[in-house]
Amino acid sequence: INTMTRAKNVNVYQVASGVYAYTSSLAVDDDGSDP
């Protein structure tokens, strides 16, 4: 699922040995120690 659009159209590919790639959105995660 694309986090921003909610469309079920994101796939992951092994583009080289041990290397995995996907293209999707960037929803901003602000969790962690920063206020």
PDB file of all heavy atoms in Angstrom:
ATOM      1  N   ILE A   1       0.842  -1.193   0.000  1.00  0.00           N
ATOM      2  CA  ILE A   1       0.000   0.000   0.000  1.00  0.00           C
ATOM      3  C   ILE A   1       0.883   1.252   0.000  1.00  0.00           C
ATOM      4  O   ILE A   1       1.788   1.384   0.823  1.00  0.00           O
ATOM      5  CB  ILE A   1      -0.915   0.030   1.244  1.00  0.00           C
ATOM      6  CG1 ILE A   1      -1.810  -1.203   1.271  1.00  0.00           C
ATOM      7  CG2 ILE A   1      -1.743   1.304   1.286  1.00  0.00           C
ATOM      8  CD1 ILE A   1      -2.541  -1.402   2.596  1.00  0.00           C
ATOM      9  N   ASN A   2       0.618   2.160  -0.923  1.00  0.00           N
ATOM     10  CA  ASN A   2       1.266   3.469  -0.913  1.00  0.00           C
ATOM     11  C   ASN A   2       0.740   4.231   0.306  1.00  0.00           C
ATOM     12  O   ASN A   2      -0.455   4.464   0.434  1.00  0.00           O
ATOM     13  CB  ASN A   2       0.940   4.213  -2.214  1.00  0.00           C
ATOM     14  CG  ASN A   2       1.523   5.606  -2.264  1.00  0.00           C
ATOM     15  OD1 ASN A   2       1.402   6.389  -1.331  1.00  0.00           O
ATOM     16  ND2 ASN A   2       2.143   5.939  -3.397  1.00  0.00           N
ATOM     17  N   THR A   3       1.641   4.607   1.217  1.00  0.00           N
ATOM     18  CA  THR A   3       1.218   5.206   2.487  1.00  0.00           C
ATOM     19  C   THR A   3       0.398   6.475   2.298  1.00  0.00           C
ATOM     20  O   THR A   3      -0.567   6.710   3.022  1.00  0.00           O
ATOM     21  CB  THR A   3       2.442   5.502   3.373  1.00  0.00           C
ATOM     22  OG1 THR A   3       3.162   4.283   3.598  1.00  0.00           O
ATOM     23  CG2 THR A   3       2.026   6.078   4.721  1.00  0.00           C
ATOM     24  N   MET A   4       0.742   7.279   1.324  1.00  0.00           N
ATOM     25  CA  MET A   4       0.047   8.554   1.131  1.00  0.00           C
ATOM     26  C   MET A   4      -1.253   8.407   0.360  1.00  0.00           C
ATOM     27  O   MET A   4      -2.279   8.983   0.734  1.00  0.00           O
ATOM     28  CB  MET A   4       0.965   9.544   0.416  1.00  0.00           C
ATOM     29  CG  MET A   4       2.102  10.071   1.279  1.00  0.00           C
ATOM     30  SD  MET A   4       1.583  11.278   2.527  1.00  0.00           S
ATOM     31  CE  MET A   4       1.549  12.790   1.558  1.00  0.00           C
ATOM     32  N   THR A   5      -1.246   7.645  -0.727  1.00  0.00           N
ATOM     33  CA  THR A   5      -2.438   7.575  -1.582  1.00  0.00           C
ATOM     34  C   THR A   5      -3.360   6.418  -1.216  1.00  0.00           C
ATOM     35  O   THR A   5      -4.511   6.405  -1.641  1.00  0.00           O
ATOM     36  CB  THR A   5      -2.035   7.411  -3.057  1.00  0.00           C
ATOM     37  OG1 THR A   5      -1.432   6.119  -3.234  1.00  0.00           O
ATOM     38  CG2 THR A   5      -1.046   8.490  -3.474  1.00  0.00           C
ATOM     39  N   ARG A   6      -2.837   5.426  -0.487  1.00  0.00           N
ATOM     40  CA  ARG A   6      -3.552   4.216  -0.085  1.00  0.00           C
ATOM     41  C   ARG A   6      -3.777   3.250  -1.247  1.00  0.00           C
ATOM     42  O   ARG A   6      -4.428   2.221  -1.081  1.00  0.00           O
ATOM     43  CB  ARG A   6      -4.915   4.533   0.577  1.00  0.00           C
ATOM     44  CG  ARG A   6      -4.891   5.634   1.603  1.00  0.00           C
ATOM     45  CD  ARG A   6      -3.888   5.406   2.698  1.00  0.00           C
ATOM     46  NE  ARG A   6      -4.141   4.174   3.439  1.00  0.00           N
ATOM     47  CZ  ARG A   6      -3.259   3.635   4.290  1.00  0.00           C
ATOM     48  NH1 ARG A   6      -2.084   4.194   4.459  1.00  0.00           N
ATOM     49  NH2 ARG A   6      -3.552   2.525   4.933  1.00  0.00           N
ATOM     50  N   ALA A   7      -3.244   3.549  -2.416  1.00  0.00           N
ATOM     51  CA  ALA A   7      -3.372   2.638  -3.555  1.00  0.00           C
ATOM     52  C   ALA A   7      -2.503   1.399  -3.334  1.00  0.00           C
ATOM     53  O   ALA A   7      -1.378   1.487  -2.847  1.00  0.00           O
ATOM     54  CB  ALA A   7      -2.951   3.343  -4.840  1.00  0.00           C
ATOM     55  N   LYS A   8      -3.020   0.251  -3.703  1.00  0.00           N
ATOM     56  CA  LYS A   8      -2.258  -0.993  -3.563  1.00  0.00           C
ATOM     57  C   LYS A   8      -1.480  -1.239  -4.859  1.00  0.00           C
ATOM     58  O   LYS A   8      -1.852  -2.086  -5.682  1.00  0.00           O
ATOM     59  CB  LYS A   8      -3.205  -2.148  -3.257  1.00  0.00           C
ATOM     60  CG  LYS A   8      -3.890  -2.037  -1.897  1.00  0.00           C
ATOM     61  CD  LYS A   8      -4.798  -3.238  -1.635  1.00  0.00           C
ATOM     62  CE  LYS A   8      -5.471  -3.122  -0.276  1.00  0.00           C
ATOM     63  NZ  LYS A   8      -6.368  -4.280  -0.007  1.00  0.00           N
ATOM     64  N   ASN A   9      -0.398  -0.507  -5.003  1.00  0.00           N
ATOM     65  CA  ASN A   9       0.347  -0.576  -6.266  1.00  0.00           C
ATOM     66  C   ASN A   9       1.862  -0.489  -6.082  1.00  0.00           C
ATOM     67  O   ASN A   9       2.584  -0.153  -7.020  1.00  0.00           O
ATOM     68  CB  ASN A   9      -0.124   0.531  -7.216  1.00  0.00           C
ATOM     69  CG  ASN A   9       0.103   1.925  -6.646  1.00  0.00           C
ATOM     70  OD1 ASN A   9       0.598   2.082  -5.523  1.00  0.00           O
ATOM     71  ND2 ASN A   9      -0.262   2.949  -7.401  1.00  0.00           N
ATOM     72  N   VAL A  10       2.355  -0.798  -4.888  1.00  0.00           N
ATOM     73  CA  VAL A  10       3.795  -0.703  -4.615  1.00  0.00           C
ATOM     74  C   VAL A  10       4.389  -2.102  -4.539  1.00  0.00           C
ATOM     75  O   VAL A  10       3.869  -2.974  -3.829  1.00  0.00           O
ATOM     76  CB  VAL A  10       4.062   0.052  -3.300  1.00  0.00           C
ATOM     77  CG1 VAL A  10       5.564   0.131  -3.031  1.00  0.00           C
ATOM     78  CG2 VAL A  10       3.450   1.451  -3.348  1.00  0.00           C
ATOM     79  N   ASN A  11       5.473  -2.305  -5.285  1.00  0.00           N
ATOM     80  CA  ASN A  11       6.158  -3.598  -5.297  1.00  0.00           C
ATOM     81  C   ASN A  11       7.631  -3.427  -4.945  1.00  0.00           C
ATOM     82  O   ASN A  11       8.206  -2.351  -5.106  1.00  0.00           O
ATOM     83  CB  ASN A  11       6.027  -4.254  -6.671  1.00  0.00           C
ATOM     84  CG  ASN A  11       4.588  -4.579  -7.010  1.00  0.00           C
ATOM     85  OD1 ASN A  11       3.937  -5.357  -6.316  1.00  0.00           O
ATOM     86  ND2 ASN A  11       4.073  -3.972  -8.079  1.00  0.00           N
ATOM     87  N   VAL A  12       8.220  -4.520  -4.486  1.00  0.00           N
ATOM     88  CA  VAL A  12       9.634  -4.531  -4.118  1.00  0.00           C
ATOM     89  C   VAL A  12      10.379  -5.476  -5.058  1.00  0.00           C
ATOM     90  O   VAL A  12       9.900  -6.587  -5.334  1.00  0.00           O
ATOM     91  CB  VAL A  12       9.826  -4.981  -2.659  1.00  0.00           C
ATOM     92  CG1 VAL A  12      11.312  -4.960  -2.276  1.00  0.00           C
ATOM     93  CG2 VAL A  12       9.027  -4.088  -1.712  1.00  0.00           C
ATOM     94  N   TYR A  13      11.549  -5.041  -5.528  1.00  0.00           N
ATOM     95  CA  TYR A  13      12.317  -5.814  -6.500  1.00  0.00           C
ATOM     96  C   TYR A  13      13.738  -6.047  -5.981  1.00  0.00           C
ATOM     97  O   TYR A  13      14.327  -5.166  -5.346  1.00  0.00           O
ATOM     98  CB  TYR A  13      12.396  -5.068  -7.834  1.00  0.00           C
ATOM     99  CG  TYR A  13      11.045  -4.710  -8.396  1.00  0.00           C
ATOM    100  CD1 TYR A  13      10.398  -3.529  -8.029  1.00  0.00           C
ATOM    101  CD2 TYR A  13      10.391  -5.562  -9.291  1.00  0.00           C
ATOM    102  CE1 TYR A  13       9.154  -3.197  -8.525  1.00  0.00           C
ATOM    103  CE2 TYR A  13       9.137  -5.249  -9.793  1.00  0.00           C
ATOM    104  CZ  TYR A  13       8.523  -4.060  -9.408  1.00  0.00           C
ATOM    105  OH  TYR A  13       7.278  -3.735  -9.901  1.00  0.00           O
ATOM    106  N   GLN A  14      14.275  -7.216  -6.272  1.00  0.00           N
ATOM    107  CA  GLN A  14      15.685  -7.476  -5.967  1.00  0.00           C
ATOM    108  C   GLN A  14      16.474  -7.074  -7.210  1.00  0.00           C
ATOM    109  O   GLN A  14      16.550  -7.816  -8.185  1.00  0.00           O
ATOM    110  CB  GLN A  14      15.927  -8.938  -5.614  1.00  0.00           C
ATOM    111  CG  GLN A  14      17.369  -9.196  -5.210  1.00  0.00           C
ATOM    112  CD  GLN A  14      17.585 -10.583  -4.627  1.00  0.00           C
ATOM    113  OE1 GLN A  14      16.649 -11.234  -4.185  1.00  0.00           O
ATOM    114  NE2 GLN A  14      18.833 -11.032  -4.638  1.00  0.00           N
ATOM    115  N   VAL A  15      17.071  -5.896  -7.159  1.00  0.00           N
ATOM    116  CA  VAL A  15      17.718  -5.330  -8.349  1.00  0.00           C
ATOM    117  C   VAL A  15      19.164  -5.786  -8.509  1.00  0.00           C
ATOM    118  O   VAL A  15      19.773  -5.613  -9.562  1.00  0.00           O
ATOM    119  CB  VAL A  15      17.637  -3.787  -8.330  1.00  0.00           C
ATOM    120  CG1 VAL A  15      16.186  -3.333  -8.375  1.00  0.00           C
ATOM    121  CG2 VAL A  15      18.335  -3.212  -7.091  1.00  0.00           C
ATOM    122  N   ALA A  16      19.729  -6.356  -7.450  1.00  0.00           N
ATOM    123  CA  ALA A  16      21.068  -6.942  -7.479  1.00  0.00           C
ATOM    124  C   ALA A  16      21.141  -7.888  -6.287  1.00  0.00           C
ATOM    125  O   ALA A  16      20.233  -7.914  -5.451  1.00  0.00           O
ATOM    126  CB  ALA A  16      22.148  -5.858  -7.386  1.00  0.00           C
ATOM    127  N   SER A  17      22.186  -8.654  -6.191  1.00  0.00           N
ATOM    128  CA  SER A  17      22.309  -9.598  -5.088  1.00  0.00           C
ATOM    129  C   SER A  17      22.255  -8.864  -3.748  1.00  0.00           C
ATOM    130  O   SER A  17      23.090  -8.011  -3.458  1.00  0.00           O
ATOM    131  CB  SER A  17      23.629 -10.364  -5.202  1.00  0.00           C
ATOM    132  OG  SER A  17      23.789 -11.244  -4.113  1.00  0.00           O
ATOM    133  N   GLY A  18      21.240  -9.173  -2.930  1.00  0.00           N
ATOM    134  CA  GLY A  18      21.113  -8.566  -1.616  1.00  0.00           C
ATOM    135  C   GLY A  18      20.668  -7.122  -1.607  1.00  0.00           C
ATOM    136  O   GLY A  18      20.730  -6.459  -0.569  1.00  0.00           O
ATOM    137  N   VAL A  19      20.188  -6.613  -2.734  1.00  0.00           N
ATOM    138  CA  VAL A  19      19.772  -5.205  -2.830  1.00  0.00           C
ATOM    139  C   VAL A  19      18.318  -5.149  -3.277  1.00  0.00           C
ATOM    140  O   VAL A  19      17.950  -5.722  -4.311  1.00  0.00           O
ATOM    141  CB  VAL A  19      20.662  -4.412  -3.808  1.00  0.00           C
ATOM    142  CG1 VAL A  19      20.246  -2.940  -3.837  1.00  0.00           C
ATOM    143  CG2 VAL A  19      22.133  -4.538  -3.412  1.00  0.00           C
ATOM    144  N   TYR A  20      17.479  -4.444  -2.507  1.00  0.00           N
ATOM    145  CA  TYR A  20      16.032  -4.407  -2.738  1.00  0.00           C
ATOM    146  C   TYR A  20      15.555  -2.976  -2.936  1.00  0.00           C
ATOM    147  O   TYR A  20      16.001  -2.065  -2.232  1.00  0.00           O
ATOM    148  CB  TYR A  20      15.307  -5.041  -1.553  1.00  0.00           C
ATOM    149  CG  TYR A  20      15.777  -6.454  -1.274  1.00  0.00           C
ATOM    150  CD1 TYR A  20      16.821  -6.695  -0.377  1.00  0.00           C
ATOM    151  CD2 TYR A  20      15.211  -7.533  -1.938  1.00  0.00           C
ATOM    152  CE1 TYR A  20      17.276  -7.987  -0.146  1.00  0.00           C
ATOM    153  CE2 TYR A  20      15.657  -8.833  -1.710  1.00  0.00           C
ATOM    154  CZ  TYR A  20      16.693  -9.052  -0.812  1.00  0.00           C
ATOM    155  OH  TYR A  20      17.148 -10.330  -0.595  1.00  0.00           O
ATOM    156  N   ALA A  21      14.638  -2.776  -3.878  1.00  0.00           N
ATOM    157  CA  ALA A  21      14.207  -1.420  -4.224  1.00  0.00           C
ATOM    158  C   ALA A  21      12.705  -1.340  -4.412  1.00  0.00           C
ATOM    159  O   ALA A  21      12.064  -2.287  -4.869  1.00  0.00           O
ATOM    160  CB  ALA A  21      14.912  -0.957  -5.501  1.00  0.00           C
ATOM    161  N   TYR A  22      12.152  -0.198  -4.039  1.00  0.00           N
ATOM    162  CA  TYR A  22      10.739   0.094  -4.299  1.00  0.00           C
ATOM    163  C   TYR A  22      10.579   1.588  -4.526  1.00  0.00           C
ATOM    164  O   TYR A  22      11.414   2.399  -4.084  1.00  0.00           O
ATOM    165  CB  TYR A  22       9.842  -0.370  -3.141  1.00  0.00           C
ATOM    166  CG  TYR A  22      10.074   0.322  -1.818  1.00  0.00           C
ATOM    167  CD1 TYR A  22       9.401   1.487  -1.473  1.00  0.00           C
ATOM    168  CD2 TYR A  22      10.977  -0.204  -0.892  1.00  0.00           C
ATOM    169  CE1 TYR A  22       9.617   2.118  -0.257  1.00  0.00           C
ATOM    170  CE2 TYR A  22      11.198   0.409   0.320  1.00  0.00           C
ATOM    171  CZ  TYR A  22      10.521   1.576   0.653  1.00  0.00           C
ATOM    172  OH  TYR A  22      10.741   2.194   1.851  1.00  0.00           O
ATOM    173  N   THR A  23       9.519   1.964  -5.197  1.00  0.00           N
ATOM    174  CA  THR A  23       9.187   3.365  -5.421  1.00  0.00           C
ATOM    175  C   THR A  23       7.790   3.620  -4.870  1.00  0.00           C
ATOM    176  O   THR A  23       6.856   2.888  -5.179  1.00  0.00           O
ATOM    177  CB  THR A  23       9.239   3.727  -6.918  1.00  0.00           C
ATOM    178  OG1 THR A  23      10.572   3.545  -7.396  1.00  0.00           O
ATOM    179  CG2 THR A  23       8.828   5.182  -7.135  1.00  0.00           C
ATOM    180  N   SER A  24       7.668   4.659  -4.040  1.00  0.00           N
ATOM    181  CA  SER A  24       6.382   4.957  -3.431  1.00  0.00           C
ATOM    182  C   SER A  24       6.341   6.432  -3.035  1.00  0.00           C
ATOM    183  O   SER A  24       7.047   7.267  -3.613  1.00  0.00           O
ATOM    184  CB  SER A  24       6.151   4.049  -2.213  1.00  0.00           C
ATOM    185  OG  SER A  24       4.825   4.208  -1.713  1.00  0.00           O
ATOM    186  N   SER A  25       5.517   6.719  -2.042  1.00  0.00           N
ATOM    187  CA  SER A  25       5.373   8.071  -1.508  1.00  0.00           C
ATOM    188  C   SER A  25       6.464   8.369  -0.486  1.00  0.00           C
ATOM    189  O   SER A  25       7.321   7.520  -0.202  1.00  0.00           O
ATOM    190  CB  SER A  25       4.014   8.182  -0.812  1.00  0.00           C
ATOM    191  OG  SER A  25       3.942   7.249   0.270  1.00  0.00           O
ATOM    192  N   LEU A  26       6.411   9.572   0.071  1.00  0.00           N
ATOM    193  CA  LEU A  26       7.135   9.848   1.311  1.00  0.00           C
ATOM    194  C   LEU A  26       6.154  10.537   2.254  1.00  0.00           C
ATOM    195  O   LEU A  26       5.879  11.729   2.112  1.00  0.00           O
ATOM    196  CB  LEU A  26       8.381  10.711   1.101  1.00  0.00           C
ATOM    197  CG  LEU A  26       9.316  10.770   2.326  1.00  0.00           C
ATOM    198  CD1 LEU A  26      10.760  11.050   1.924  1.00  0.00           C
ATOM    199  CD2 LEU A  26       8.865  11.783   3.369  1.00  0.00           C
ATOM    200  N   ALA A  27       5.570   9.751   3.138  1.00  0.00           N
ATOM    201  CA  ALA A  27       4.787  10.297   4.241  1.00  0.00           C
ATOM    202  C   ALA A  27       5.781  10.600   5.355  1.00  0.00           C
ATOM    203  O   ALA A  27       6.691   9.809   5.605  1.00  0.00           O
ATOM    204  CB  ALA A  27       3.756   9.282   4.703  1.00  0.00           C
ATOM    205  N   VAL A  28       5.645  11.729   6.004  1.00  0.00           N
ATOM    206  CA  VAL A  28       6.664  12.184   6.948  1.00  0.00           C
ATOM    207  C   VAL A  28       6.456  11.571   8.330  1.00  0.00           C
ATOM    208  O   VAL A  28       5.410  11.739   8.957  1.00  0.00           O
ATOM    209  CB  VAL A  28       6.675  13.721   7.039  1.00  0.00           C
ATOM    210  CG1 VAL A  28       7.711  14.186   8.051  1.00  0.00           C
ATOM    211  CG2 VAL A  28       6.963  14.331   5.667  1.00  0.00           C
ATOM    212  N   ASP A  29       7.472  10.850   8.791  1.00  0.00           N
ATOM    213  CA  ASP A  29       7.495  10.245  10.121  1.00  0.00           C
ATOM    214  C   ASP A  29       8.255  11.192  11.053  1.00  0.00           C
ATOM    215  O   ASP A  29       9.438  11.475  10.823  1.00  0.00           O
ATOM    216  CB  ASP A  29       8.198   8.887  10.052  1.00  0.00           C
ATOM    217  CG  ASP A  29       8.195   8.121  11.374  1.00  0.00           C
ATOM    218  OD1 ASP A  29       8.006   8.741  12.433  1.00  0.00           O
ATOM    219  OD2 ASP A  29       8.390   6.897  11.343  1.00  0.00           O
ATOM    220  N   ASP A  30       7.580  11.689  12.086  1.00  0.00           N
ATOM    221  CA  ASP A  30       8.242  12.600  13.032  1.00  0.00           C
ATOM    222  C   ASP A  30       8.404  11.970  14.416  1.00  0.00           C
ATOM    223  O   ASP A  30       8.589  12.668  15.417  1.00  0.00           O
ATOM    224  CB  ASP A  30       7.475  13.927  13.141  1.00  0.00           C
ATOM    225  CG  ASP A  30       5.995  13.731  13.450  1.00  0.00           C
ATOM    226  OD1 ASP A  30       5.635  12.701  14.056  1.00  0.00           O
ATOM    227  OD2 ASP A  30       5.188  14.609  13.085  1.00  0.00           O
ATOM    228  N   ASP A  31       8.340  10.633  14.488  1.00  0.00           N
ATOM    229  CA  ASP A  31       8.492   9.951  15.774  1.00  0.00           C
ATOM    230  C   ASP A  31       9.931  10.012  16.278  1.00  0.00           C
ATOM    231  O   ASP A  31      10.859  10.313  15.527  1.00  0.00           O
ATOM    232  CB  ASP A  31       8.064   8.482  15.647  1.00  0.00           C
ATOM    233  CG  ASP A  31       6.579   8.329  15.408  1.00  0.00           C
ATOM    234  OD1 ASP A  31       5.840   9.299  15.660  1.00  0.00           O
ATOM    235  OD2 ASP A  31       6.166   7.250  14.950  1.00  0.00           O
ATOM    236  N   GLY A  32      10.098   9.675  17.540  1.00  0.00           N
ATOM    237  CA  GLY A  32      11.429   9.606  18.116  1.00  0.00           C
ATOM    238  C   GLY A  32      11.689  10.661  19.158  1.00  0.00           C
ATOM    239  O   GLY A  32      10.765  11.274  19.712  1.00  0.00           O
ATOM    240  N   SER A  33      12.962  10.884  19.453  1.00  0.00           N
ATOM    241  CA  SER A  33      13.358  11.722  20.584  1.00  0.00           C
ATOM    242  C   SER A  33      13.176  13.215  20.358  1.00  0.00           C
ATOM    243  O   SER A  33      13.167  13.991  21.315  1.00  0.00           O
ATOM    244  CB  SER A  33      14.822  11.441  20.943  1.00  0.00           C
ATOM    245  OG  SER A  33      15.663  11.685  19.830  1.00  0.00           O
ATOM    246  N   ASP A  34      13.031  13.648  19.104  1.00  0.00           N
ATOM    247  CA  ASP A  34      12.793  15.074  18.856  1.00  0.00           C
ATOM    248  C   ASP A  34      11.358  15.450  19.245  1.00  0.00           C
ATOM    249  O   ASP A  34      10.416  14.753  18.872  1.00  0.00           O
ATOM    250  CB  ASP A  34      12.979  15.410  17.374  1.00  0.00           C
ATOM    251  CG  ASP A  34      14.432  15.418  16.954  1.00  0.00           C
ATOM    252  OD1 ASP A  34      15.264  15.845  17.761  1.00  0.00           O
ATOM    253  OD2 ASP A  34      14.724  14.983  15.826  1.00  0.00           O
ATOM    254  N   PRO A  35      11.175  16.562  19.946  1.00  0.00           N
ATOM    255  CA  PRO A  35       9.801  17.036  20.183  1.00  0.00           C
ATOM    256  C   PRO A  35       9.179  17.496  18.871  1.00  0.00           C
ATOM    257  O   PRO A  35       9.882  17.972  17.983  1.00  0.00           O
ATOM    258  CB  PRO A  35       9.996  18.205  21.149  1.00  0.00           C
ATOM    259  CG  PRO A  35      11.399  18.664  20.905  1.00  0.00           C
ATOM    260  CD  PRO A  35      12.185  17.441  20.549  1.00  0.00           C
TER     261      PRO A  35
END
